[in-house]
Amino acid sequence: MMNIIIEKAQESDIDALSQFYDEVNDYLASHINYPEWKRGIYPARDTAENAVLEGTAYAARENGRIIGSFILRQVPENGYEKADWHFPSDYDNIIVVYTLAVHPDYSGKGVGRQLVDFVVDYGRKKGMKAVRLDVYEKNEPAIRLYQKCGFQYIDTVDLGYGKYGLDKFALFQKLL
């Protein structure tokens, strides 16, 4: 059993998070790139810097090494308003997950599930009503993970990333 510690990332983690993103993107470039992420574009160093500085980045570590990460905000992506989420909210009581990633060395070892479970637990402790997220519609492994974790499919929408070849994103929600 891995001893994984998940905590808010600090400014001192920016270099390691940036390297983590590069390693994930390098792996995706030579394998099936389900999320269609690209090194230097997304996620990249600026993704890490912005999230750490706004206090929304989280890192999962094993023996000090970042093996997973995600960003938690209470701000939806542009395009979320196109969906019927089945209850009204101004996002004061909703967490939105961004950029959930697991290092390829740890793929298939339950790390993604631990990250999602952490987010759900965190949301419950903070008194949130739901966790929402979007997934590129062809990212089948992520879609399976979220469904296994009890997230419900809401809709498929255009989030405005067509210039990157990413036309449609599946929206998911888990009520807490």
Protein backbone atom coordinates (compact mmCIF):
# COMPACT_ATOMS: atom_id res chain seq x y z
CA MET A 1 0.00 0.00 0.00
CA MET A 2 1.33 3.40 -0.99
CA ASN A 3 1.61 6.09 1.64
CA ILE A 4 0.22 9.08 -0.27
CA ILE A 5 -0.01 12.51 1.30
CA ILE A 6 -2.34 15.02 -0.39
CA GLU A 7 -1.98 18.65 0.58
CA LYS A 8 -2.24 22.16 -0.77
CA ALA A 9 0.76 22.97 -2.96
CA GLN A 10 3.07 25.79 -1.87
CA GLU A 11 5.22 28.25 -3.82
CA SER A 12 8.18 25.96 -3.17
CA ASP A 13 6.33 23.26 -5.18
CA ILE A 14 6.02 25.23 -8.43
CA ASP A 15 9.20 23.78 -9.99
CA ALA A 16 8.24 20.22 -9.03
CA LEU A 17 4.66 20.67 -10.27
CA SER A 18 5.95 22.11 -13.54
CA GLN A 19 8.27 19.11 -13.94
CA PHE A 20 5.37 16.77 -13.06
CA TYR A 21 3.24 18.34 -15.83
CA ASP A 22 6.13 18.03 -18.31
CA GLU A 23 6.61 14.35 -17.45
CA VAL A 24 2.88 13.65 -17.82
CA ASN A 25 2.79 15.48 -21.15
CA ASP A 26 5.94 13.74 -22.44
CA TYR A 27 4.32 10.38 -21.65
CA LEU A 28 1.07 11.40 -23.34
CA ALA A 29 2.97 12.55 -26.44
CA SER A 30 4.27 9.00 -26.99
CA HIS A 31 1.12 7.09 -25.95
CA ILE A 32 -2.62 7.47 -26.38
CA ASN A 33 -3.19 11.08 -25.35
CA TYR A 34 -6.74 10.81 -24.04
CA PRO A 35 -6.95 14.35 -22.59
CA GLU A 36 -5.13 15.83 -25.62
CA TRP A 37 -2.79 17.80 -23.34
CA LYS A 38 0.34 19.32 -24.88
CA ARG A 39 3.67 20.13 -23.28
CA GLY A 40 4.21 23.85 -22.98
CA ILE A 41 0.51 24.54 -23.62
CA TYR A 42 -1.54 22.75 -20.98
CA PRO A 43 -0.89 21.93 -18.29
CA ALA A 44 2.36 23.86 -18.09
CA ARG A 45 4.43 25.93 -15.68
CA ASP A 46 1.97 28.83 -15.79
CA THR A 47 -0.82 26.40 -14.80
CA ALA A 48 1.17 25.46 -11.70
CA GLU A 49 2.18 29.05 -10.87
CA ASN A 50 -1.32 30.48 -11.22
CA ALA A 51 -2.98 27.72 -9.19
CA VAL A 52 -0.37 27.78 -6.42
CA LEU A 53 -0.49 31.57 -6.14
CA GLU A 54 -4.31 31.57 -5.96
CA GLY A 55 -4.18 28.78 -3.36
CA THR A 56 -6.07 26.21 -5.45
CA ALA A 57 -3.34 23.69 -6.36
CA TYR A 58 -3.01 20.36 -4.56
CA ALA A 59 -0.20 17.85 -4.77
CA ALA A 60 -0.22 14.14 -3.95
CA ARG A 61 3.16 12.85 -2.82
CA GLU A 62 4.72 9.53 -2.12
CA ASN A 63 8.08 9.74 -0.36
CA GLY A 64 8.24 13.44 -1.22
CA ARG A 65 7.74 12.93 -4.98
CA ILE A 66 4.69 14.51 -6.64
CA ILE A 67 2.74 11.63 -8.18
CA GLY A 68 -0.59 13.38 -8.69
CA SER A 69 -2.17 16.79 -8.66
CA PHE A 70 -5.38 18.69 -9.16
CA ILE A 71 -6.79 22.19 -8.86
CA LEU A 72 -9.93 23.05 -6.88
CA ARG A 73 -11.83 26.24 -7.62
CA GLN A 74 -15.31 27.57 -6.96
CA VAL A 75 -15.43 29.05 -10.44
CA PRO A 76 -16.91 27.17 -13.40
CA GLU A 77 -15.42 26.97 -16.87
CA ASN A 78 -17.11 29.18 -19.47
CA GLY A 79 -19.72 26.89 -20.96
CA TYR A 80 -20.94 25.29 -17.74
CA GLU A 81 -23.95 27.62 -17.88
CA LYS A 82 -25.13 25.74 -21.01
CA ALA A 83 -25.93 22.64 -18.95
CA ASP A 84 -28.89 21.82 -16.73
CA TRP A 85 -27.15 20.86 -13.48
CA HIS A 86 -30.51 19.99 -11.88
CA PHE A 87 -30.25 22.60 -9.11
CA PRO A 88 -29.42 26.30 -9.09
CA SER A 89 -26.21 27.53 -7.54
CA ASP A 90 -23.93 30.53 -7.56
CA TYR A 91 -20.83 28.32 -6.94
CA ASP A 92 -20.45 29.42 -3.33
CA ASN A 93 -21.28 25.82 -2.41
CA ILE A 94 -19.77 23.96 -5.39
CA ILE A 95 -16.21 22.81 -6.03
CA VAL A 96 -14.96 22.53 -9.60
CA VAL A 97 -12.05 20.15 -10.28
CA TYR A 98 -9.44 21.17 -12.84
CA THR A 99 -6.35 19.42 -14.22
CA LEU A 100 -6.54 16.17 -12.25
CA ALA A 101 -3.46 14.18 -13.25
CA VAL A 102 -1.53 11.09 -12.14
CA HIS A 103 2.12 10.49 -12.98
CA PRO A 104 2.39 7.69 -15.59
CA ASP A 105 4.62 5.65 -13.24
CA TYR A 106 1.59 5.40 -10.92
CA SER A 107 -1.12 4.84 -13.52
CA GLY A 108 -3.46 1.96 -12.72
CA LYS A 109 -2.46 1.86 -9.04
CA GLY A 110 -5.52 3.57 -7.59
CA VAL A 111 -3.95 7.02 -7.25
CA GLY A 112 -6.63 8.69 -9.38
CA ARG A 113 -9.33 7.18 -7.18
CA GLN A 114 -7.54 8.47 -4.06
CA LEU A 115 -7.38 11.96 -5.56
CA VAL A 116 -11.09 11.95 -6.40
CA ASP A 117 -11.99 10.53 -2.97
CA PHE A 118 -9.94 13.32 -1.35
CA VAL A 119 -11.83 15.97 -3.36
CA VAL A 120 -15.22 14.50 -2.40
CA ASP A 121 -14.20 14.26 1.28
CA TYR A 122 -12.85 17.81 1.20
CA GLY A 123 -16.11 19.06 -0.31
CA ARG A 124 -18.18 17.36 2.36
CA LYS A 125 -16.00 18.78 5.15
CA LYS A 126 -16.37 22.28 3.67
CA GLY A 127 -20.16 21.91 3.48
CA MET A 128 -20.29 21.97 -0.30
CA LYS A 129 -23.39 20.70 -2.13
CA ALA A 130 -21.62 19.28 -5.19
CA VAL A 131 -18.36 18.61 -7.02
CA ARG A 132 -18.36 19.39 -10.74
CA LEU A 133 -15.84 18.78 -13.48
CA ASP A 134 -15.42 18.46 -17.21
CA VAL A 135 -13.58 15.85 -19.25
CA TYR A 136 -12.62 15.92 -22.92
CA GLU A 137 -15.27 13.69 -24.47
CA LYS A 138 -12.71 11.17 -25.80
CA ASN A 139 -10.88 10.78 -22.46
CA GLU A 140 -12.41 7.39 -21.73
CA PRO A 141 -10.17 6.42 -18.77
CA ALA A 142 -11.06 9.63 -16.90
CA ILE A 143 -14.76 9.24 -17.70
CA ARG A 144 -14.69 5.66 -16.33
CA LEU A 145 -12.90 6.85 -13.16
CA TYR A 146 -15.43 9.58 -12.46
CA GLN A 147 -18.36 7.25 -13.09
CA LYS A 148 -16.84 4.64 -10.75
CA CYS A 149 -16.54 7.37 -8.13
CA GLY A 150 -20.26 8.12 -8.35
CA PHE A 151 -20.24 11.15 -10.62
CA GLN A 152 -23.27 11.56 -12.85
CA TYR A 153 -23.05 12.60 -16.49
CA ILE A 154 -24.84 15.93 -17.02
CA ASP A 155 -24.26 17.03 -20.62
CA THR A 156 -21.68 17.43 -23.38
CA VAL A 157 -20.85 21.03 -24.27
CA ASP A 158 -18.39 23.20 -26.16
CA LEU A 159 -16.08 24.96 -23.69
CA GLY A 160 -14.39 27.09 -26.34
CA TYR A 161 -11.20 25.04 -26.87
CA GLY A 162 -11.85 24.27 -30.54
CA LYS A 163 -8.66 26.04 -31.61
CA TYR A 164 -6.80 23.24 -29.79
CA GLY A 165 -8.90 20.56 -31.50
CA LEU A 166 -10.97 20.02 -28.34
CA ASP A 167 -14.56 20.55 -29.35
CA LYS A 168 -16.72 18.83 -26.77
CA PHE A 169 -16.40 18.18 -23.06
CA ALA A 170 -18.52 15.87 -20.93
CA LEU A 171 -19.75 17.51 -17.74
CA PHE A 172 -20.05 15.47 -14.54
CA GLN A 173 -21.38 16.19 -11.07
CA LYS A 174 -21.42 14.42 -7.73
CA LEU A 175 -23.91 15.65 -5.19
CA LEU A 176 -22.58 15.68 -1.63
